[in-house]
Amino acid sequence: MKIFWLLFVLLGAKLACADEVFRLALPECEARIERRSTEPGLLMVRSDCDLSMVSLSKLLQKGLAVFLAKNSSPISSVSLGRLMNYPQWSRALARAAANSSGWDRRRGRPVKPYRHENQIVTALLNQSAYSDDLQAVFLRFGFKSCVAGVEKVLVFKAETIFPVGSLTPPKLAANNLLPGDAQVWLTLYPLPADCRHH
């Protein structure tokens, strides 16, 4: 039984390891993009620090060039991990929710009870909260990148999302409850494509 368990653990460790890794030194820290042979169409962004949108865009631009040049399996999706690891994007989502008629910032949930927070956060991330710099990276490679979905949305008080003295818009109260984090996946579609129709 112990031998079987050891083999199971070793096999699980092998499956969890990336087969291909692209590394890049960024101003914040070294970050990487990983790909596993078990999911060749998926790229995973990893870093040990928070990244600016400029740094994330640079990592994806250089990493995509490397992975696409290998003529291996086509890339169909990118896992970005937690949105809070990209503070600018997290604040953009919170601002979009604060300005959205579909988000109840007093209760910290969608206005309509039948809507799930995952749905409204996905919609906001594909619209006003999407980074133009990030979209431009994928457009260079002939892709439209859409937030396919999110999971594990977390809601915070506005005062914990925005730096002191920078609460925006002006009517936003420090105790308003806004989405500031979620697990985010991008799906890549050939151009032309519209995220609202996927």
C-alpha atoms as a PDB file:
ATOM      1  CA  MET A   1       0.000   0.000   0.000  1.00  0.00           C
ATOM      2  CA  LYS A   2       2.859   2.397   0.825  1.00  0.00           C
ATOM      3  CA  ILE A   3       4.454   1.752  -2.577  1.00  0.00           C
ATOM      4  CA  PHE A   4       1.164   2.460  -4.357  1.00  0.00           C
ATOM      5  CA  TRP A   5       0.769   5.721  -2.408  1.00  0.00           C
ATOM      6  CA  LEU A   6       4.333   6.801  -3.231  1.00  0.00           C
ATOM      7  CA  LEU A   7       3.770   6.145  -6.947  1.00  0.00           C
ATOM      8  CA  PHE A   8       0.512   8.114  -6.788  1.00  0.00           C
ATOM      9  CA  VAL A   9       2.251  11.092  -5.149  1.00  0.00           C
ATOM     10  CA  LEU A  10       5.141  11.007  -7.632  1.00  0.00           C
ATOM     11  CA  LEU A  11       2.787  10.762 -10.599  1.00  0.00           C
ATOM     12  CA  GLY A  12       0.703  13.667  -9.275  1.00  0.00           C
ATOM     13  CA  ALA A  13       3.835  15.777  -8.846  1.00  0.00           C
ATOM     14  CA  LYS A  14       4.880  14.956 -12.412  1.00  0.00           C
ATOM     15  CA  LEU A  15       1.472  15.981 -13.810  1.00  0.00           C
ATOM     16  CA  ALA A  16       1.543  19.248 -11.841  1.00  0.00           C
ATOM     17  CA  CYS A  17       4.941  20.283 -13.228  1.00  0.00           C
ATOM     18  CA  ALA A  18       5.190  22.421 -16.337  1.00  0.00           C
ATOM     19  CA  ASP A  19       6.867  20.840 -19.358  1.00  0.00           C
ATOM     20  CA  GLU A  20       7.738  24.191 -20.955  1.00  0.00           C
ATOM     21  CA  VAL A  21       8.547  27.396 -19.088  1.00  0.00           C
ATOM     22  CA  PHE A  22       9.245  30.887 -20.409  1.00  0.00           C
ATOM     23  CA  ARG A  23      10.852  33.200 -17.839  1.00  0.00           C
ATOM     24  CA  LEU A  24      11.226  36.957 -17.939  1.00  0.00           C
ATOM     25  CA  ALA A  25      12.796  39.387 -15.490  1.00  0.00           C
ATOM     26  CA  LEU A  26      10.385  42.265 -14.917  1.00  0.00           C
ATOM     27  CA  PRO A  27      10.783  45.397 -12.767  1.00  0.00           C
ATOM     28  CA  GLU A  28       8.684  43.806  -9.997  1.00  0.00           C
ATOM     29  CA  CYS A  29      10.186  40.298 -10.052  1.00  0.00           C
ATOM     30  CA  GLU A  30      10.813  37.356 -12.378  1.00  0.00           C
ATOM     31  CA  ALA A  31       7.587  36.020 -13.883  1.00  0.00           C
ATOM     32  CA  ARG A  32       6.927  33.042 -16.115  1.00  0.00           C
ATOM     33  CA  ILE A  33       4.494  31.415 -18.493  1.00  0.00           C
ATOM     34  CA  GLU A  34       4.096  27.661 -18.208  1.00  0.00           C
ATOM     35  CA  ARG A  35       2.604  24.973 -20.422  1.00  0.00           C
ATOM     36  CA  ARG A  36       1.956  21.322 -19.590  1.00  0.00           C
ATOM     37  CA  SER A  37       1.899  18.529 -22.155  1.00  0.00           C
ATOM     38  CA  THR A  38      -1.387  17.336 -20.610  1.00  0.00           C
ATOM     39  CA  GLU A  39      -3.033  20.680 -21.563  1.00  0.00           C
ATOM     40  CA  PRO A  40      -0.996  22.007 -24.513  1.00  0.00           C
ATOM     41  CA  GLY A  41      -3.577  24.631 -25.493  1.00  0.00           C
ATOM     42  CA  LEU A  42      -3.420  26.318 -22.074  1.00  0.00           C
ATOM     43  CA  LEU A  43      -0.762  28.793 -20.952  1.00  0.00           C
ATOM     44  CA  MET A  44      -0.473  29.672 -17.251  1.00  0.00           C
ATOM     45  CA  VAL A  45       0.946  32.974 -15.992  1.00  0.00           C
ATOM     46  CA  ARG A  46       2.908  32.664 -12.749  1.00  0.00           C
ATOM     47  CA  SER A  47       4.727  35.199 -10.585  1.00  0.00           C
ATOM     48  CA  ASP A  48       5.724  35.630  -6.963  1.00  0.00           C
ATOM     49  CA  CYS A  49       4.748  39.298  -6.838  1.00  0.00           C
ATOM     50  CA  ASP A  50       2.063  41.706  -8.021  1.00  0.00           C
ATOM     51  CA  LEU A  51       2.500  42.855 -11.624  1.00  0.00           C
ATOM     52  CA  SER A  52       1.541  46.090 -13.336  1.00  0.00           C
ATOM     53  CA  MET A  53      -0.479  45.813 -16.528  1.00  0.00           C
ATOM     54  CA  VAL A  54       2.588  47.015 -18.445  1.00  0.00           C
ATOM     55  CA  SER A  55       4.634  44.139 -17.038  1.00  0.00           C
ATOM     56  CA  LEU A  56       1.882  41.566 -17.634  1.00  0.00           C
ATOM     57  CA  SER A  57       1.546  42.782 -21.226  1.00  0.00           C
ATOM     58  CA  LYS A  58       5.307  42.569 -21.762  1.00  0.00           C
ATOM     59  CA  LEU A  59       5.425  39.034 -20.326  1.00  0.00           C
ATOM     60  CA  LEU A  60       2.572  37.875 -22.565  1.00  0.00           C
ATOM     61  CA  GLN A  61       3.948  39.569 -25.669  1.00  0.00           C
ATOM     62  CA  LYS A  62       7.374  37.973 -25.355  1.00  0.00           C
ATOM     63  CA  GLY A  63       6.071  34.640 -24.103  1.00  0.00           C
ATOM     64  CA  LEU A  64       3.428  34.245 -26.804  1.00  0.00           C
ATOM     65  CA  ALA A  65       6.043  34.915 -29.471  1.00  0.00           C
ATOM     66  CA  VAL A  66       8.125  32.041 -28.109  1.00  0.00           C
ATOM     67  CA  PHE A  67       5.277  29.539 -27.711  1.00  0.00           C
ATOM     68  CA  LEU A  68       3.663  30.365 -31.057  1.00  0.00           C
ATOM     69  CA  ALA A  69       7.000  30.041 -32.877  1.00  0.00           C
ATOM     70  CA  LYS A  70       7.306  26.414 -31.798  1.00  0.00           C
ATOM     71  CA  ASN A  71       4.575  25.274 -34.215  1.00  0.00           C
ATOM     72  CA  SER A  72       3.185  23.014 -31.520  1.00  0.00           C
ATOM     73  CA  SER A  73      -0.409  22.751 -30.349  1.00  0.00           C
ATOM     74  CA  PRO A  74      -2.475  25.903 -30.905  1.00  0.00           C
ATOM     75  CA  ILE A  75      -2.974  28.110 -27.871  1.00  0.00           C
ATOM     76  CA  SER A  76      -6.630  28.520 -26.973  1.00  0.00           C
ATOM     77  CA  SER A  77      -6.615  29.863 -23.420  1.00  0.00           C
ATOM     78  CA  VAL A  78      -4.518  31.656 -20.818  1.00  0.00           C
ATOM     79  CA  SER A  79      -4.871  31.296 -17.057  1.00  0.00           C
ATOM     80  CA  LEU A  80      -3.922  34.555 -15.341  1.00  0.00           C
ATOM     81  CA  GLY A  81      -4.486  33.388 -11.770  1.00  0.00           C
ATOM     82  CA  ARG A  82      -5.910  35.855  -9.272  1.00  0.00           C
ATOM     83  CA  LEU A  83      -6.952  39.315 -10.414  1.00  0.00           C
ATOM     84  CA  MET A  84      -5.638  40.865  -7.192  1.00  0.00           C
ATOM     85  CA  ASN A  85      -2.121  39.990  -8.412  1.00  0.00           C
ATOM     86  CA  TYR A  86      -2.656  42.801 -10.947  1.00  0.00           C
ATOM     87  CA  PRO A  87      -3.675  45.743  -8.708  1.00  0.00           C
ATOM     88  CA  GLN A  88      -4.403  48.143 -11.589  1.00  0.00           C
ATOM     89  CA  TRP A  89      -6.811  45.653 -13.148  1.00  0.00           C
ATOM     90  CA  SER A  90      -8.379  44.912  -9.770  1.00  0.00           C
ATOM     91  CA  ARG A  91      -9.079  48.628  -9.262  1.00  0.00           C
ATOM     92  CA  ALA A  92     -10.437  48.915 -12.823  1.00  0.00           C
ATOM     93  CA  LEU A  93     -12.915  46.141 -12.032  1.00  0.00           C
ATOM     94  CA  ALA A  94     -13.951  47.847  -8.778  1.00  0.00           C
ATOM     95  CA  ARG A  95     -14.453  51.176 -10.581  1.00  0.00           C
ATOM     96  CA  ALA A  96     -16.499  49.484 -13.311  1.00  0.00           C
ATOM     97  CA  ALA A  97     -18.700  47.787 -10.709  1.00  0.00           C
ATOM     98  CA  ALA A  98     -19.145  51.067  -8.823  1.00  0.00           C
ATOM     99  CA  ASN A  99     -20.388  52.699 -12.039  1.00  0.00           C
ATOM    100  CA  SER A 100     -22.537  49.735 -13.073  1.00  0.00           C
ATOM    101  CA  SER A 101     -26.296  49.801 -12.587  1.00  0.00           C
ATOM    102  CA  GLY A 102     -26.100  46.029 -12.194  1.00  0.00           C
ATOM    103  CA  TRP A 103     -23.930  46.058  -9.025  1.00  0.00           C
ATOM    104  CA  ASP A 104     -25.307  46.927  -5.582  1.00  0.00           C
ATOM    105  CA  ARG A 105     -22.325  48.552  -3.886  1.00  0.00           C
ATOM    106  CA  ARG A 106     -24.110  48.807  -0.539  1.00  0.00           C
ATOM    107  CA  ARG A 107     -24.734  45.046  -0.339  1.00  0.00           C
ATOM    108  CA  GLY A 108     -21.736  43.936  -2.402  1.00  0.00           C
ATOM    109  CA  ARG A 109     -23.622  41.784  -4.903  1.00  0.00           C
ATOM    110  CA  PRO A 110     -25.536  41.989  -8.196  1.00  0.00           C
ATOM    111  CA  VAL A 111     -28.705  44.101  -8.065  1.00  0.00           C
ATOM    112  CA  LYS A 112     -30.793  41.349  -9.656  1.00  0.00           C
ATOM    113  CA  PRO A 113     -30.992  38.352  -7.315  1.00  0.00           C
ATOM    114  CA  TYR A 114     -30.980  35.812 -10.151  1.00  0.00           C
ATOM    115  CA  ARG A 115     -27.624  37.054 -11.469  1.00  0.00           C
ATOM    116  CA  HIS A 116     -24.501  35.438 -10.043  1.00  0.00           C
ATOM    117  CA  GLU A 117     -21.505  37.609  -9.188  1.00  0.00           C
ATOM    118  CA  ASN A 118     -19.395  35.514 -11.585  1.00  0.00           C
ATOM    119  CA  GLN A 119     -21.652  36.602 -14.469  1.00  0.00           C
ATOM    120  CA  ILE A 120     -21.510  40.330 -13.794  1.00  0.00           C
ATOM    121  CA  VAL A 121     -17.760  40.312 -13.067  1.00  0.00           C
ATOM    122  CA  THR A 122     -17.091  38.405 -16.309  1.00  0.00           C
ATOM    123  CA  ALA A 123     -19.209  40.939 -18.218  1.00  0.00           C
ATOM    124  CA  LEU A 124     -17.412  43.917 -16.623  1.00  0.00           C
ATOM    125  CA  LEU A 125     -13.984  42.415 -17.304  1.00  0.00           C
ATOM    126  CA  ASN A 126     -14.915  42.002 -20.972  1.00  0.00           C
ATOM    127  CA  GLN A 127     -16.154  45.570 -21.264  1.00  0.00           C
ATOM    128  CA  SER A 128     -15.140  48.709 -19.363  1.00  0.00           C
ATOM    129  CA  ALA A 129     -12.721  46.922 -17.027  1.00  0.00           C
ATOM    130  CA  TYR A 130     -10.676  45.253 -19.789  1.00  0.00           C
ATOM    131  CA  SER A 131      -7.159  46.588 -20.302  1.00  0.00           C
ATOM    132  CA  ASP A 132      -6.554  48.052 -23.770  1.00  0.00           C
ATOM    133  CA  ASP A 133      -2.825  47.332 -23.400  1.00  0.00           C
ATOM    134  CA  LEU A 134      -3.552  43.676 -22.727  1.00  0.00           C
ATOM    135  CA  GLN A 135      -5.947  43.362 -25.653  1.00  0.00           C
ATOM    136  CA  ALA A 136      -3.365  44.991 -27.937  1.00  0.00           C
ATOM    137  CA  VAL A 137      -0.885  42.207 -27.152  1.00  0.00           C
ATOM    138  CA  PHE A 138      -3.232  39.504 -28.412  1.00  0.00           C
ATOM    139  CA  LEU A 139      -4.320  41.548 -31.435  1.00  0.00           C
ATOM    140  CA  ARG A 140      -0.688  41.593 -32.608  1.00  0.00           C
ATOM    141  CA  PHE A 141      -0.849  37.815 -32.832  1.00  0.00           C
ATOM    142  CA  GLY A 142      -4.240  37.745 -34.567  1.00  0.00           C
ATOM    143  CA  PHE A 143      -6.331  36.921 -31.499  1.00  0.00           C
ATOM    144  CA  LYS A 144      -9.187  38.539 -29.648  1.00  0.00           C
ATOM    145  CA  SER A 145      -8.864  37.638 -25.978  1.00  0.00           C
ATOM    146  CA  CYS A 146     -12.055  37.345 -23.975  1.00  0.00           C
ATOM    147  CA  VAL A 147     -12.535  36.678 -20.290  1.00  0.00           C
ATOM    148  CA  ALA A 148     -14.175  33.284 -20.649  1.00  0.00           C
ATOM    149  CA  GLY A 149     -15.280  33.193 -17.063  1.00  0.00           C
ATOM    150  CA  VAL A 150     -14.262  33.842 -13.492  1.00  0.00           C
ATOM    151  CA  GLU A 151     -14.500  31.939 -10.241  1.00  0.00           C
ATOM    152  CA  LYS A 152     -14.163  32.749  -6.563  1.00  0.00           C
ATOM    153  CA  VAL A 153     -15.122  36.414  -6.764  1.00  0.00           C
ATOM    154  CA  LEU A 154     -14.111  38.268  -3.624  1.00  0.00           C
ATOM    155  CA  VAL A 155     -15.698  41.515  -2.486  1.00  0.00           C
ATOM    156  CA  PHE A 156     -13.887  44.173  -0.433  1.00  0.00           C
ATOM    157  CA  LYS A 157     -14.586  47.586   1.016  1.00  0.00           C
ATOM    158  CA  ALA A 158     -13.569  50.328  -1.410  1.00  0.00           C
ATOM    159  CA  GLU A 159     -11.065  51.681   1.117  1.00  0.00           C
ATOM    160  CA  THR A 160      -9.077  48.427   0.936  1.00  0.00           C
ATOM    161  CA  ILE A 161      -9.000  48.361  -2.886  1.00  0.00           C
ATOM    162  CA  PHE A 162      -8.019  51.967  -3.567  1.00  0.00           C
ATOM    163  CA  PRO A 163      -4.967  53.752  -2.135  1.00  0.00           C
ATOM    164  CA  VAL A 164      -5.675  56.282   0.604  1.00  0.00           C
ATOM    165  CA  GLY A 165      -7.050  59.521  -0.818  1.00  0.00           C
ATOM    166  CA  SER A 166      -7.798  58.092  -4.257  1.00  0.00           C
ATOM    167  CA  LEU A 167     -11.345  56.792  -3.922  1.00  0.00           C
ATOM    168  CA  THR A 168     -12.970  57.163  -7.324  1.00  0.00           C
ATOM    169  CA  PRO A 169     -15.509  58.010  -8.593  1.00  0.00           C
ATOM    170  CA  PRO A 170     -16.067  60.947  -6.161  1.00  0.00           C
ATOM    171  CA  LYS A 171     -19.389  59.568  -4.903  1.00  0.00           C
ATOM    172  CA  LEU A 172     -17.784  56.273  -3.903  1.00  0.00           C
ATOM    173  CA  ALA A 173     -17.860  55.714  -0.145  1.00  0.00           C
ATOM    174  CA  ALA A 174     -15.072  53.990   1.753  1.00  0.00           C
ATOM    175  CA  ASN A 175     -17.431  51.260   2.962  1.00  0.00           C
ATOM    176  CA  ASN A 176     -18.950  50.481  -0.462  1.00  0.00           C
ATOM    177  CA  LEU A 177     -18.539  46.790  -1.268  1.00  0.00           C
ATOM    178  CA  LEU A 178     -16.967  46.073  -4.653  1.00  0.00           C
ATOM    179  CA  PRO A 179     -15.502  43.065  -6.453  1.00  0.00           C
ATOM    180  CA  GLY A 180     -11.716  43.223  -6.406  1.00  0.00           C
ATOM    181  CA  ASP A 181     -10.549  39.673  -6.986  1.00  0.00           C
ATOM    182  CA  ALA A 182     -11.394  36.492  -8.876  1.00  0.00           C
ATOM    183  CA  GLN A 183      -9.691  33.637 -10.702  1.00  0.00           C
ATOM    184  CA  VAL A 184      -9.467  34.747 -14.345  1.00  0.00           C
ATOM    185  CA  TRP A 185      -9.154  32.779 -17.589  1.00  0.00           C
ATOM    186  CA  LEU A 186      -8.843  34.205 -21.078  1.00  0.00           C
ATOM    187  CA  THR A 187     -10.061  32.396 -24.188  1.00  0.00           C
ATOM    188  CA  LEU A 188      -8.400  33.297 -27.480  1.00  0.00           C
ATOM    189  CA  TYR A 189     -10.497  33.593 -30.643  1.00  0.00           C
ATOM    190  CA  PRO A 190      -9.273  34.232 -34.201  1.00  0.00           C
ATOM    191  CA  LEU A 191     -10.039  37.705 -35.494  1.00  0.00           C
ATOM    192  CA  PRO A 192     -12.588  39.075 -35.998  1.00  0.00           C
ATOM    193  CA  ALA A 193     -14.391  38.151 -32.819  1.00  0.00           C
ATOM    194  CA  ASP A 194     -16.625  39.848 -30.269  1.00  0.00           C
ATOM    195  CA  CYS A 195     -16.435  38.872 -26.617  1.00  0.00           C
ATOM    196  CA  ARG A 196     -20.127  39.661 -26.157  1.00  0.00           C
ATOM    197  CA  HIS A 197     -21.032  36.776 -28.465  1.00  0.00           C
ATOM    198  CA  HIS A 198     -18.942  34.095 -26.737  1.00  0.00           C
END
